[in-house]
Amino acid sequence: MKLDSKKYADAMDRFHLLIANVCELDSPEIGHALDGICRVLRVAKITMKCYDAISLEKRNKGIEYIPYQGEEPDEASVYIKRESTDRGNVVIYRFYKINDGKEWDEEELEKIHVLQTCLFAYNARVRLAQIADQFTFHDTQLGMYNLNFFMKHVGTLMLNGVVGRYAVCYFNLKHFSVVNQRFGRERGTKIMVAYIERLEALLDHTELVCRVGGDNFIVLFLKEKLDAVSRHMEGIELGTDEAGESAFVSAVAGYYMVDDTVKYPSDLMDRANVALNVAKHSKTTDRIFYNDALIAFSNERKRIETIFPDAMRNEEFKVYYQPKVFMKDYKLKGAEALCRWYHDDQIVPPDRFIPVLEQSKDICELDFYMLNHVCADIRRWLDEGRRVVKVSVNLSRCHMGNSHLLQNILDIIDSYNVPHEYIEIELTETTTDVSFNELKDVVNGLREHGISTSVDDFGVGYSSFNLIREIPWNVIKIDKSFLHDEGTGLSSKNRAMLKYVIAIAQELGMVTICEGVETLEQVRLLKEYGCFMAQGFYFDRPLPRERFEEKL
């Protein structure tokens, strides 16, 4: 049976044209593409199976193409071709002839071989595209979509005109380093995956969760599912093993309810990110929604970051000193150095610029600036023969990661020839295991050089009792929240906690000082519980250097 060359050429052209648009190996469109050429070559069925080259173990279930219906394949008349891949696999193709009682001639077999070679090349191209897709659009560690896929999917929704039905939530898992520290990183990863899988169970095929990096994720969901997603962010208990241990996982979240102002897929990410940054620094909520006010906040943040270097050069930051009082004789026994920023003849409130500088880590530069100015003041007071008291200087947790921190502190103090007994370094806790060890090393190092250390805002952190159990502080600074309740009076719960925190710290040989003291009743309560150091508006507000010098 002579092959019709024109029909063959036309069928091959059609095959190449149609196969170019197919992106899946098992797509039914492949059968449609093969239809014409297989009719010409009298092929009723094609199978493809992949095997490991060494063990010959089948690597997939195999793929079967049935180009057209109507002719039964002749199971006894099969053209078999074996191909090897550069990944050490073997691919075996089987072409089954239609059951028409006539064998293939040499020309037909030659053309079938050409078709098999084309299929092999097409299969390799699809697999390469799938590998590229895997690296481009998937997070390989957790086996989920990444930010690139989020942008691609949102772009598709925008083209279809339906993106306005959706909302996004950009979230960060709270204190997840503590989970890793407790369970180990391998189990910690499983806990993270379980949390994401529970979230994905709330979504349909048009919604998705993508990993941005580390313990940061973004979820796209239909607006009517806001309550369900929000409840998930508030936290769920997840079992970790057969022993019955569990971990509570929650998230800090920034939300954006998509509106008609979006122009690009990145707008969704950017706006949710603004909300998340505000939520991370909020003291009242873990959930923030993007709105026009946040735009102003974002612009203000950028403005502060821009003018900060000039403000440092112009020494716009001033040291204020808040007295610390010994309540047995009500005498001045110390002070805390606080930063005040004067810009364009106005004072910038600390809660406006401190969080911004912490995000950019410019806070570290400001901390060293403050320590320099405090040491310069103490040196001058000593030279003038004034009475000098110990001054505490705050250092942000952002310093953790600076391997030269201890030496930086010592170099500044010693450059002014200030006796170490007049400086106290106030540090805040950290929630990461690495930074906790660094904090411990810094405190030990300062102690060895005779420099006092205090832990700030004790009692409001995530792991406060670990701080005083494992780190040899000199001073515990009790957070003002222990002295203040909404409404009138102090609750019995807060009274009990205050009493026992003071007792525990003193039992460990640490001095206790309470901040935020505002009333005579609070003074009496602290003295009753054995805390005799205090600072707050009851005694003095933070004072400019000149007025504090009068106190000295």
Protein backbone atom coordinates (compact mmCIF):
# COMPACT_ATOMS: atom_id res chain seq x y z
CA MET A 1 0.00 0.00 0.00
CA LYS A 2 1.71 3.14 -1.24
CA LEU A 3 1.85 6.13 1.14
CA ASP A 4 0.18 9.32 -0.11
CA SER A 5 3.06 11.83 0.23
CA LYS A 6 0.86 14.92 0.02
CA LYS A 7 -1.56 13.64 2.65
CA TYR A 8 1.42 12.73 4.83
CA ALA A 9 3.02 16.19 4.49
CA ASP A 10 -0.26 17.99 5.19
CA ALA A 11 -0.95 15.77 8.20
CA MET A 12 2.54 16.37 9.63
CA ASP A 13 2.15 20.13 9.18
CA ARG A 14 -1.18 20.02 11.00
CA PHE A 15 0.32 17.87 13.77
CA HIS A 16 3.20 20.33 14.40
CA LEU A 17 0.80 23.27 14.34
CA LEU A 18 -1.58 21.77 16.89
CA ILE A 19 0.99 20.14 19.20
CA ALA A 20 2.81 23.46 19.72
CA ASN A 21 -0.06 24.76 21.87
CA VAL A 22 -0.34 21.70 24.14
CA CYS A 23 1.40 22.00 27.53
CA GLU A 24 0.53 18.73 29.30
CA LEU A 25 1.71 15.22 28.46
CA ASP A 26 -1.67 13.68 29.18
CA SER A 27 -3.77 16.37 27.50
CA PRO A 28 -6.63 15.00 25.37
CA GLU A 29 -5.66 17.63 22.81
CA ILE A 30 -2.67 15.46 21.86
CA GLY A 31 -5.02 12.82 20.48
CA HIS A 32 -6.70 15.52 18.40
CA ALA A 33 -3.30 16.69 17.11
CA LEU A 34 -2.32 13.10 16.22
CA ASP A 35 -5.58 12.28 14.48
CA GLY A 36 -4.64 13.18 10.90
CA ILE A 37 -1.11 11.79 10.80
CA CYS A 38 -2.16 8.54 12.50
CA ARG A 39 -4.91 7.99 9.91
CA VAL A 40 -2.31 8.33 7.14
CA LEU A 41 0.10 5.94 8.92
CA ARG A 42 -2.67 3.51 9.99
CA VAL A 43 -1.91 3.90 13.70
CA ALA A 44 -4.81 3.15 16.06
CA LYS A 45 -3.12 3.67 19.46
CA ILE A 46 0.14 4.99 20.94
CA THR A 47 1.45 4.35 24.46
CA MET A 48 4.39 5.90 26.26
CA LYS A 49 5.93 4.49 29.45
CA CYS A 50 8.99 5.69 31.37
CA TYR A 51 11.31 3.38 33.34
CA ASP A 52 14.34 3.81 35.58
CA ALA A 53 17.38 2.85 33.48
CA ILE A 54 18.97 0.69 36.19
CA SER A 55 16.12 -0.97 38.06
CA LEU A 56 13.66 -0.80 35.13
CA GLU A 57 11.06 0.20 37.68
CA LYS A 58 8.19 2.05 36.07
CA ARG A 59 8.44 5.77 36.93
CA ASN A 60 4.89 6.73 35.99
CA LYS A 61 1.62 5.09 35.18
CA GLY A 62 2.15 5.57 31.46
CA ILE A 63 0.28 7.66 28.91
CA GLU A 64 -2.02 6.41 26.18
CA TYR A 65 -3.02 8.34 23.07
CA ILE A 66 -6.00 7.19 21.00
CA PRO A 67 -5.96 9.46 17.96
CA TYR A 68 -9.38 8.56 16.59
CA GLN A 69 -12.21 6.18 17.23
CA GLY A 70 -13.60 3.59 14.83
CA GLU A 71 -10.71 1.17 14.28
CA GLU A 72 -9.65 -1.50 16.76
CA PRO A 73 -5.88 -1.75 17.35
CA ASP A 74 -4.08 -4.91 16.32
CA GLU A 75 -2.41 -5.91 19.62
CA ALA A 76 -0.08 -8.26 17.73
CA SER A 77 1.18 -5.69 15.27
CA VAL A 78 3.22 -3.16 17.28
CA TYR A 79 6.12 -0.86 16.43
CA ILE A 80 8.31 -0.43 19.55
CA LYS A 81 10.99 2.22 20.00
CA ARG A 82 13.19 2.79 23.06
CA GLU A 83 14.69 6.20 23.87
CA SER A 84 17.12 7.15 26.65
CA THR A 85 17.05 10.50 28.42
CA ASP A 86 19.95 12.45 29.92
CA ARG A 87 18.38 11.89 33.39
CA GLY A 88 19.06 8.14 33.23
CA ASN A 89 15.52 7.12 32.28
CA VAL A 90 14.24 4.95 29.48
CA VAL A 91 11.11 5.89 27.51
CA ILE A 92 9.38 3.15 25.52
CA TYR A 93 6.90 4.03 22.78
CA ARG A 94 4.46 1.50 21.31
CA PHE A 95 2.56 2.21 18.08
CA TYR A 96 -0.38 -0.18 17.47
CA LYS A 97 -1.54 -0.68 13.89
CA ILE A 98 -5.22 -0.58 13.02
CA ASN A 99 -6.69 -4.07 12.66
CA ASP A 100 -7.12 -4.03 8.86
CA GLY A 101 -5.20 -7.22 8.02
CA LYS A 102 -2.41 -5.40 6.17
CA GLU A 103 1.11 -5.02 7.55
CA TRP A 104 3.07 -1.75 7.58
CA ASP A 105 5.50 -1.37 4.73
CA GLU A 106 9.06 0.00 5.11
CA GLU A 107 8.06 3.54 4.17
CA GLU A 108 5.27 3.62 6.76
CA LEU A 109 7.60 2.28 9.47
CA GLU A 110 10.15 4.94 8.55
CA LYS A 111 7.51 7.67 8.88
CA ILE A 112 6.26 6.19 12.18
CA HIS A 113 9.85 6.41 13.44
CA VAL A 114 9.89 10.11 12.42
CA LEU A 115 6.59 10.64 14.27
CA GLN A 116 8.01 8.90 17.36
CA THR A 117 11.08 11.16 17.26
CA CYS A 118 8.81 14.21 17.06
CA LEU A 119 6.79 12.95 20.04
CA PHE A 120 9.96 12.34 22.03
CA ALA A 121 11.17 15.88 21.31
CA TYR A 122 7.75 17.27 22.24
CA ASN A 123 7.69 15.23 25.48
CA ALA A 124 11.16 16.52 26.41
CA ARG A 125 10.04 20.10 25.75
CA VAL A 126 6.96 19.69 27.94
CA ARG A 127 8.97 18.14 30.77
CA LEU A 128 11.54 20.92 30.56
CA ALA A 129 8.75 23.49 30.68
CA GLN A 130 7.25 21.72 33.70
CA ILE A 131 10.63 21.77 35.50
CA ALA A 132 11.03 25.47 34.69
CA ASP A 133 7.49 26.07 35.92
CA GLN A 134 8.27 24.20 39.14
CA PHE A 135 11.28 26.40 39.88
CA THR A 136 9.56 29.60 38.76
CA PHE A 137 6.19 29.26 40.41
CA HIS A 138 6.68 26.88 43.33
CA ASP A 139 8.33 26.99 46.72
CA THR A 140 10.33 23.77 46.67
CA GLN A 141 10.76 23.54 50.46
CA LEU A 142 7.05 23.51 51.31
CA GLY A 143 5.73 22.26 47.96
CA MET A 144 3.38 25.21 47.43
CA TYR A 145 2.98 28.20 45.13
CA ASN A 146 5.32 31.18 45.50
CA LEU A 147 4.96 34.92 44.95
CA ASN A 148 5.61 34.64 41.20
CA PHE A 149 2.55 32.43 40.82
CA PHE A 150 0.51 34.85 42.95
CA MET A 151 1.35 37.67 40.54
CA LYS A 152 0.55 35.48 37.53
CA HIS A 153 -2.79 34.33 38.95
CA VAL A 154 -3.85 37.85 39.96
CA GLY A 155 -2.94 39.04 36.46
CA THR A 156 -5.29 36.45 35.01
CA LEU A 157 -8.11 37.55 37.34
CA MET A 158 -7.54 41.17 36.30
CA LEU A 159 -7.71 40.28 32.61
CA ASN A 160 -10.98 38.44 33.27
CA GLY A 161 -12.36 41.47 35.14
CA VAL A 162 -13.14 39.56 38.36
CA VAL A 163 -10.30 40.57 40.71
CA GLY A 164 -12.66 42.92 42.58
CA ARG A 165 -14.41 39.89 44.09
CA TYR A 166 -11.29 39.02 46.06
CA ALA A 167 -9.33 40.13 49.11
CA VAL A 168 -5.72 39.45 50.08
CA CYS A 169 -4.12 38.82 53.43
CA TYR A 170 -0.36 39.14 53.82
CA PHE A 171 0.58 37.41 57.06
CA ASN A 172 3.55 36.52 59.25
CA LEU A 173 3.45 33.56 61.65
CA LYS A 174 3.90 34.90 65.20
CA HIS A 175 6.91 33.76 67.23
CA PHE A 176 7.50 30.84 64.88
CA SER A 177 11.17 30.76 65.81
CA VAL A 178 9.99 29.71 69.28
CA VAL A 179 8.15 26.76 67.68
CA ASN A 180 11.35 25.79 65.85
CA GLN A 181 13.31 26.11 69.07
CA ARG A 182 10.86 23.92 70.96
CA PHE A 183 10.25 21.18 68.38
CA GLY A 184 13.26 21.41 66.07
CA ARG A 185 13.25 22.74 62.52
CA GLU A 186 12.05 19.53 60.85
CA ARG A 187 8.95 19.25 63.03
CA GLY A 188 8.57 23.01 62.91
CA THR A 189 8.33 22.83 59.13
CA LYS A 190 5.64 20.14 59.40
CA ILE A 191 3.68 22.37 61.78
CA MET A 192 3.97 25.25 59.32
CA VAL A 193 2.75 23.04 56.47
CA ALA A 194 -0.19 21.82 58.60
CA TYR A 195 -1.20 25.42 59.34
CA ILE A 196 -1.14 26.29 55.62
CA GLU A 197 -3.02 23.11 54.65
CA ARG A 198 -5.80 23.97 57.13
CA LEU A 199 -6.02 27.41 55.51
CA GLU A 200 -6.09 25.92 52.00
CA ALA A 201 -9.01 23.72 53.07
CA LEU A 202 -11.08 26.92 53.34
CA LEU A 203 -10.39 27.89 49.71
CA ASP A 204 -11.65 26.84 46.30
CA HIS A 205 -9.71 26.43 43.04
CA THR A 206 -9.67 30.17 42.22
CA GLU A 207 -8.21 31.07 45.64
CA LEU A 208 -4.68 30.27 46.78
CA VAL A 209 -1.98 30.59 49.44
CA CYS A 210 1.57 31.49 48.37
CA ARG A 211 4.78 31.58 50.34
CA VAL A 212 6.62 34.89 50.16
CA GLY A 213 9.64 33.66 52.12
CA GLY A 214 10.54 32.37 55.59
CA ASP A 215 7.38 32.46 57.71
CA ASN A 216 5.67 35.06 55.50
CA PHE A 217 2.72 34.12 53.28
CA ILE A 218 -0.03 35.77 51.24
CA VAL A 219 -3.51 34.36 50.69
CA LEU A 220 -5.98 35.40 47.97
CA PHE A 221 -9.58 34.65 48.87
CA LEU A 222 -13.15 35.62 48.00
CA LYS A 223 -14.37 38.51 50.15
CA GLU A 224 -17.23 36.51 51.64
CA LYS A 225 -14.64 34.25 53.33
CA LEU A 226 -13.09 37.09 55.34
CA ASP A 227 -14.44 35.86 58.68
CA ALA A 228 -13.18 32.31 58.12
CA VAL A 229 -9.71 33.50 57.10
CA SER A 230 -9.56 35.95 60.02
CA ARG A 231 -10.43 33.20 62.52
CA HIS A 232 -7.61 31.11 61.09
CA MET A 233 -5.17 34.00 61.53
CA GLU A 234 -6.22 34.38 65.17
CA GLY A 235 -4.73 30.96 65.78
CA ILE A 236 -5.31 27.21 65.82
CA GLU A 237 -3.92 24.37 67.91
CA LEU A 238 -1.97 21.82 65.89
CA GLY A 239 -0.89 18.40 67.11
CA THR A 240 2.75 17.56 66.40
CA ASP A 241 3.08 13.83 67.10
CA GLU A 242 1.60 10.76 68.73
CA ALA A 243 2.83 11.90 72.15
CA GLY A 244 0.05 14.44 72.27
CA GLU A 245 2.24 17.57 72.12
CA SER A 246 0.70 20.51 70.33
CA ALA A 247 1.61 24.00 69.15
CA PHE A 248 -0.61 27.07 68.95
CA VAL A 249 0.05 28.91 65.70
CA SER A 250 -1.30 32.37 64.92
CA ALA A 251 -0.39 35.22 62.59
CA VAL A 252 0.01 38.97 62.32
CA ALA A 253 -1.97 39.99 59.24
CA GLY A 254 -2.42 42.88 56.83
CA TYR A 255 -5.60 42.83 54.72
CA TYR A 256 -6.57 44.54 51.49
CA MET A 257 -10.13 44.30 50.17
CA VAL A 258 -9.45 44.68 46.45
CA ASP A 259 -11.16 47.66 44.81
CA ASP A 260 -11.27 49.22 41.35
CA THR A 261 -8.14 51.35 41.91
CA VAL A 262 -5.73 48.47 41.26
CA LYS A 263 -3.77 48.71 38.01
CA TYR A 264 -1.14 46.02 38.44
CA PRO A 265 -0.97 42.67 40.28
CA SER A 266 1.79 44.12 42.47
CA ASP A 267 -0.71 46.67 43.85
CA LEU A 268 -2.37 43.90 45.88
CA MET A 269 0.91 42.84 47.42
CA ASP A 270 2.10 46.39 48.09
CA ARG A 271 -1.10 47.47 49.86
CA ALA A 272 -1.37 44.35 51.99
CA ASN A 273 2.31 44.80 52.87
CA VAL A 274 1.67 48.35 54.13
CA ALA A 275 -1.10 46.99 56.37
CA LEU A 276 1.10 44.15 57.65
CA ASN A 277 3.91 46.53 58.59
CA VAL A 278 1.48 48.60 60.65
CA ALA A 279 0.07 45.47 62.30
CA LYS A 280 3.57 44.29 63.27
CA HIS A 281 4.16 47.47 65.26
CA SER A 282 0.68 47.83 66.70
CA LYS A 283 0.34 47.33 70.44
CA THR A 284 -3.43 46.75 70.28
CA THR A 285 -4.17 44.42 67.35
CA ASP A 286 -2.66 41.79 65.06
CA ARG A 287 -5.06 42.64 62.23
CA ILE A 288 -4.92 45.80 60.10
CA PHE A 289 -6.92 46.67 56.96
CA TYR A 290 -5.44 48.83 54.23
CA ASN A 291 -7.08 52.24 53.82
CA ASP A 292 -6.25 55.84 52.90
CA ALA A 293 -4.91 56.55 56.39
CA LEU A 294 -2.28 53.87 55.88
CA ILE A 295 -1.15 55.61 52.71
CA ALA A 296 -0.44 58.69 54.81
CA PHE A 297 1.37 56.50 57.33
CA SER A 298 3.48 54.93 54.58
CA ASN A 299 4.35 58.34 53.14
CA GLU A 300 5.29 59.58 56.62
CA ARG A 301 7.51 56.55 57.13
CA LYS A 302 9.34 57.26 53.86
CA ARG A 303 9.71 60.91 54.83
CA ILE A 304 11.26 60.03 58.19
CA GLU A 305 13.68 57.58 56.58
CA THR A 306 14.69 60.30 54.10
CA ILE A 307 15.31 63.12 56.59
CA PHE A 308 16.90 60.97 59.33
CA PRO A 309 20.53 61.24 58.10
CA ASP A 310 20.38 65.07 58.02
CA ALA A 311 18.65 65.10 61.42
CA MET A 312 21.55 63.10 62.86
CA ARG A 313 24.14 65.42 61.32
CA ASN A 314 22.27 68.48 62.62
CA GLU A 315 21.92 66.91 66.10
CA GLU A 316 18.15 67.39 66.12
CA PHE A 317 17.87 64.47 68.59
CA LYS A 318 18.12 65.61 72.22
CA VAL A 319 18.67 63.62 75.40
CA TYR A 320 15.97 63.98 78.07
CA TYR A 321 16.48 62.47 81.51
CA GLN A 322 13.64 60.95 83.57
CA PRO A 323 14.61 60.69 87.26
CA LYS A 324 14.55 57.40 89.12
CA VAL A 325 13.64 57.76 92.80
CA PHE A 326 14.51 55.63 95.83
CA MET A 327 11.22 55.57 97.72
CA LYS A 328 12.66 55.01 101.19
CA ASP A 329 14.08 58.55 101.30
CA TYR A 330 12.64 59.95 98.01
CA LYS A 331 16.08 60.92 96.74
CA LEU A 332 17.26 60.91 93.16
CA LYS A 333 19.17 57.65 92.57
CA GLY A 334 19.34 57.41 88.79
CA ALA A 335 17.81 58.39 85.47
CA GLU A 336 16.71 56.97 82.17
CA ALA A 337 17.94 58.69 79.01
CA LEU A 338 15.07 59.24 76.57
CA CYS A 339 15.23 60.54 73.01
CA ARG A 340 13.32 63.61 71.86
CA TRP A 341 13.42 64.82 68.24
CA TYR A 342 13.10 68.51 67.42
CA HIS A 343 12.50 69.10 63.71
CA ASP A 344 11.41 72.39 62.13
CA ASP A 345 10.77 73.86 65.60
CA GLN A 346 8.39 71.04 66.46
CA ILE A 347 8.82 67.91 68.55
CA VAL A 348 8.26 64.61 66.72
CA PRO A 349 6.55 62.11 69.09
CA PRO A 350 8.66 58.97 69.70
CA ASP A 351 5.83 56.66 68.64
CA ARG A 352 5.99 58.26 65.18
CA PHE A 353 9.68 57.81 64.49
CA ILE A 354 10.93 54.94 66.71
CA PRO A 355 8.91 52.17 64.92
CA VAL A 356 10.02 53.53 61.54
CA LEU A 357 13.69 53.54 62.53
CA GLU A 358 13.33 50.01 63.91
CA GLN A 359 12.12 48.77 60.54
CA SER A 360 15.11 50.21 58.71
CA LYS A 361 17.56 49.46 61.58
CA ASP A 362 18.51 53.16 61.68
CA ILE A 363 17.53 52.80 65.33
CA CYS A 364 20.96 51.23 65.97
CA GLU A 365 22.69 54.40 64.79
CA LEU A 366 20.40 56.51 66.98
CA ASP A 367 21.09 54.30 70.03
CA PHE A 368 24.84 54.83 69.70
CA TYR A 369 24.22 58.57 69.21
CA MET A 370 22.30 58.63 72.51
CA LEU A 371 25.01 56.65 74.34
CA ASN A 372 27.65 59.08 73.06
CA HIS A 373 25.71 62.12 74.28
CA VAL A 374 24.96 60.57 77.68
CA CYS A 375 28.64 59.74 78.18
CA ALA A 376 29.60 63.29 77.16
CA ASP A 377 27.14 64.71 79.75
CA ILE A 378 28.41 62.42 82.52
CA ARG A 379 32.02 63.31 81.75
CA ARG A 380 31.19 67.02 81.97
CA TRP A 381 29.27 66.58 85.23
CA LEU A 382 32.23 64.75 86.73
CA ASP A 383 34.63 67.44 85.53
CA GLU A 384 32.39 70.14 87.04
CA GLY A 385 32.31 68.34 90.37
CA ARG A 386 28.58 67.66 90.27
CA ARG A 387 26.92 64.75 91.99
CA VAL A 388 26.47 62.02 89.34
CA VAL A 389 23.93 59.19 89.29
CA LYS A 390 23.72 56.07 87.14
CA VAL A 391 22.02 56.68 83.78
CA SER A 392 20.32 53.89 81.83
CA VAL A 393 20.49 53.97 78.02
CA ASN A 394 18.13 51.94 75.83
CA LEU A 395 19.41 49.64 73.11
CA SER A 396 16.94 48.19 70.61
CA ARG A 397 16.69 44.46 69.94
CA CYS A 398 17.70 45.35 66.37
CA HIS A 399 21.32 45.30 67.60
CA MET A 400 21.11 41.52 67.91
CA GLY A 401 23.13 40.18 64.99
CA ASN A 402 25.93 42.72 65.51
CA SER A 403 28.84 40.54 66.62
CA HIS A 404 30.77 43.68 67.69
CA LEU A 405 27.99 45.10 69.89
CA LEU A 406 29.78 44.59 73.22
CA GLN A 407 32.97 46.16 71.90
CA ASN A 408 31.01 49.05 70.33
CA ILE A 409 29.44 49.85 73.72
CA LEU A 410 32.76 49.65 75.58
CA ASP A 411 34.55 51.80 72.99
CA ILE A 412 31.99 54.61 73.35
CA ILE A 413 31.99 54.59 77.16
CA ASP A 414 35.77 54.39 77.44
CA SER A 415 36.33 57.10 74.83
CA TYR A 416 34.85 59.57 77.36
CA ASN A 417 36.70 57.97 80.28
CA VAL A 418 33.38 57.41 82.08
CA PRO A 419 33.54 55.02 85.06
CA HIS A 420 31.49 51.96 84.19
CA GLU A 421 29.45 52.26 87.39
CA TYR A 422 27.60 55.28 85.97
CA ILE A 423 26.18 53.48 82.91
CA GLU A 424 23.33 51.00 82.74
CA ILE A 425 22.31 49.39 79.45
CA GLU A 426 18.57 48.71 79.04
CA LEU A 427 17.75 45.90 76.65
CA THR A 428 14.45 44.40 75.54
CA GLU A 429 13.83 40.70 75.10
CA THR A 430 13.94 38.91 71.79
CA THR A 431 11.86 35.93 70.63
CA THR A 432 14.35 34.19 68.34
CA ASP A 433 16.60 31.45 69.69
CA VAL A 434 19.71 32.83 67.97
CA SER A 435 19.15 36.39 69.22
CA PHE A 436 18.35 35.13 72.72
CA ASN A 437 21.81 33.57 72.93
CA GLU A 438 23.38 36.76 71.60
CA LEU A 439 21.49 38.77 74.22
CA LYS A 440 22.80 36.46 76.92
CA ASP A 441 26.38 36.87 75.68
CA VAL A 442 26.10 40.69 75.63
CA VAL A 443 24.69 40.84 79.18
CA ASN A 444 27.43 38.52 80.45
CA GLY A 445 30.08 40.60 78.69
CA LEU A 446 28.81 43.88 80.14
CA ARG A 447 28.63 42.33 83.59
CA GLU A 448 32.27 41.24 83.34
CA HIS A 449 33.23 44.86 82.62
CA GLY A 450 31.24 46.21 85.57
CA ILE A 451 28.42 47.69 83.48
CA SER A 452 24.94 47.23 84.89
CA THR A 453 22.17 45.82 82.68
CA SER A 454 18.39 45.96 82.96
CA VAL A 455 15.61 44.24 81.06
CA ASP A 456 13.00 46.73 79.89
CA ASP A 457 9.20 46.24 79.92
CA PHE A 458 9.46 43.02 81.93
CA GLY A 459 6.20 41.09 82.11
CA VAL A 460 4.72 41.87 78.71
CA GLY A 461 6.95 39.74 76.50
CA TYR A 462 6.53 36.24 75.16
CA SER A 463 9.08 34.48 77.31
CA SER A 464 9.87 36.86 80.17
CA PHE A 465 10.62 34.26 82.83
CA ASN A 466 13.20 32.60 80.58
CA LEU A 467 14.91 35.99 80.51
CA ILE A 468 15.47 36.20 84.25
CA ARG A 469 16.15 32.48 84.66
CA GLU A 470 18.93 32.31 82.07
CA ILE A 471 20.37 35.84 81.88
CA PRO A 472 22.17 37.52 84.84
CA TRP A 473 20.50 40.96 84.81
CA ASN A 474 21.23 43.52 87.50
CA VAL A 475 17.85 45.24 87.25
CA ILE A 476 14.34 44.13 86.34
CA LYS A 477 12.22 47.01 85.05
CA ILE A 478 8.57 46.12 85.67
CA ASP A 479 6.25 47.25 82.92
CA LYS A 480 3.74 49.96 83.79
CA SER A 481 0.86 47.73 82.67
CA PHE A 482 1.10 45.96 86.06
CA LEU A 483 0.00 49.22 87.72
CA HIS A 484 -2.82 50.17 85.38
CA ASP A 485 -6.22 48.62 84.76
CA GLU A 486 -9.06 50.00 82.70
CA GLY A 487 -11.67 51.47 85.03
CA THR A 488 -10.97 52.12 88.68
CA GLY A 489 -8.54 50.37 90.96
CA LEU A 490 -6.05 47.59 90.32
CA SER A 491 -7.36 44.07 89.81
CA SER A 492 -6.48 41.31 92.28
CA LYS A 493 -4.86 39.42 89.39
CA ASN A 494 -2.49 42.29 88.59
CA ARG A 495 -1.75 42.80 92.29
CA ALA A 496 -0.80 39.14 92.66
CA MET A 497 1.38 39.14 89.56
CA LEU A 498 3.11 42.37 90.62
CA LYS A 499 3.80 41.01 94.09
CA TYR A 500 5.30 37.75 92.89
CA VAL A 501 7.35 39.26 90.06
CA ILE A 502 8.99 41.55 92.63
CA ALA A 503 9.55 38.63 95.01
CA ILE A 504 11.02 36.35 92.32
CA ALA A 505 13.39 39.04 91.00
CA GLN A 506 14.63 39.87 94.48
CA GLU A 507 15.07 36.19 95.32
CA LEU A 508 17.35 35.99 92.29
CA GLY A 509 19.38 38.94 93.56
CA MET A 510 18.05 41.50 91.10
CA VAL A 511 16.95 45.07 91.81
CA THR A 512 13.37 45.88 90.78
CA ILE A 513 12.22 49.24 89.47
CA CYS A 514 8.69 50.05 88.33
CA GLU A 515 7.97 52.54 85.55
CA GLY A 516 4.81 54.53 84.92
CA VAL A 517 4.19 55.42 88.59
CA GLU A 518 1.55 58.16 88.63
CA THR A 519 -0.33 58.07 91.96
CA LEU A 520 0.34 57.96 95.68
CA GLU A 521 -1.67 54.72 95.88
CA GLN A 522 0.76 53.08 93.43
CA VAL A 523 3.72 54.30 95.49
CA ARG A 524 2.26 52.78 98.65
CA LEU A 525 1.51 49.49 96.89
CA LEU A 526 5.06 49.17 95.52
CA LYS A 527 6.57 49.88 98.94
CA GLU A 528 4.24 47.32 100.50
CA TYR A 529 5.49 44.68 98.02
CA GLY A 530 9.16 45.61 98.55
CA CYS A 531 9.88 47.56 95.34
CA PHE A 532 11.59 50.81 96.35
CA MET A 533 12.85 52.13 93.00
CA ALA A 534 10.41 53.90 90.70
CA GLN A 535 10.06 56.39 87.89
CA GLY A 536 6.99 58.09 86.48
CA PHE A 537 5.00 61.31 86.32
CA TYR A 538 4.30 61.17 90.07
CA PHE A 539 7.93 62.16 90.58
CA ASP A 540 9.00 63.82 87.33
CA ARG A 541 8.42 63.85 83.62
CA PRO A 542 11.42 63.40 81.30
CA LEU A 543 13.50 66.58 81.68
CA PRO A 544 15.80 68.41 79.26
CA ARG A 545 19.45 68.24 80.23
CA GLU A 546 19.56 71.73 81.80
CA ARG A 547 16.63 71.07 84.14
CA PHE A 548 17.96 67.64 85.08
CA GLU A 549 21.27 69.23 85.99
CA GLU A 550 19.40 71.41 88.47
CA LYS A 551 18.12 68.21 90.10
CA LEU A 552 21.69 66.97 90.40
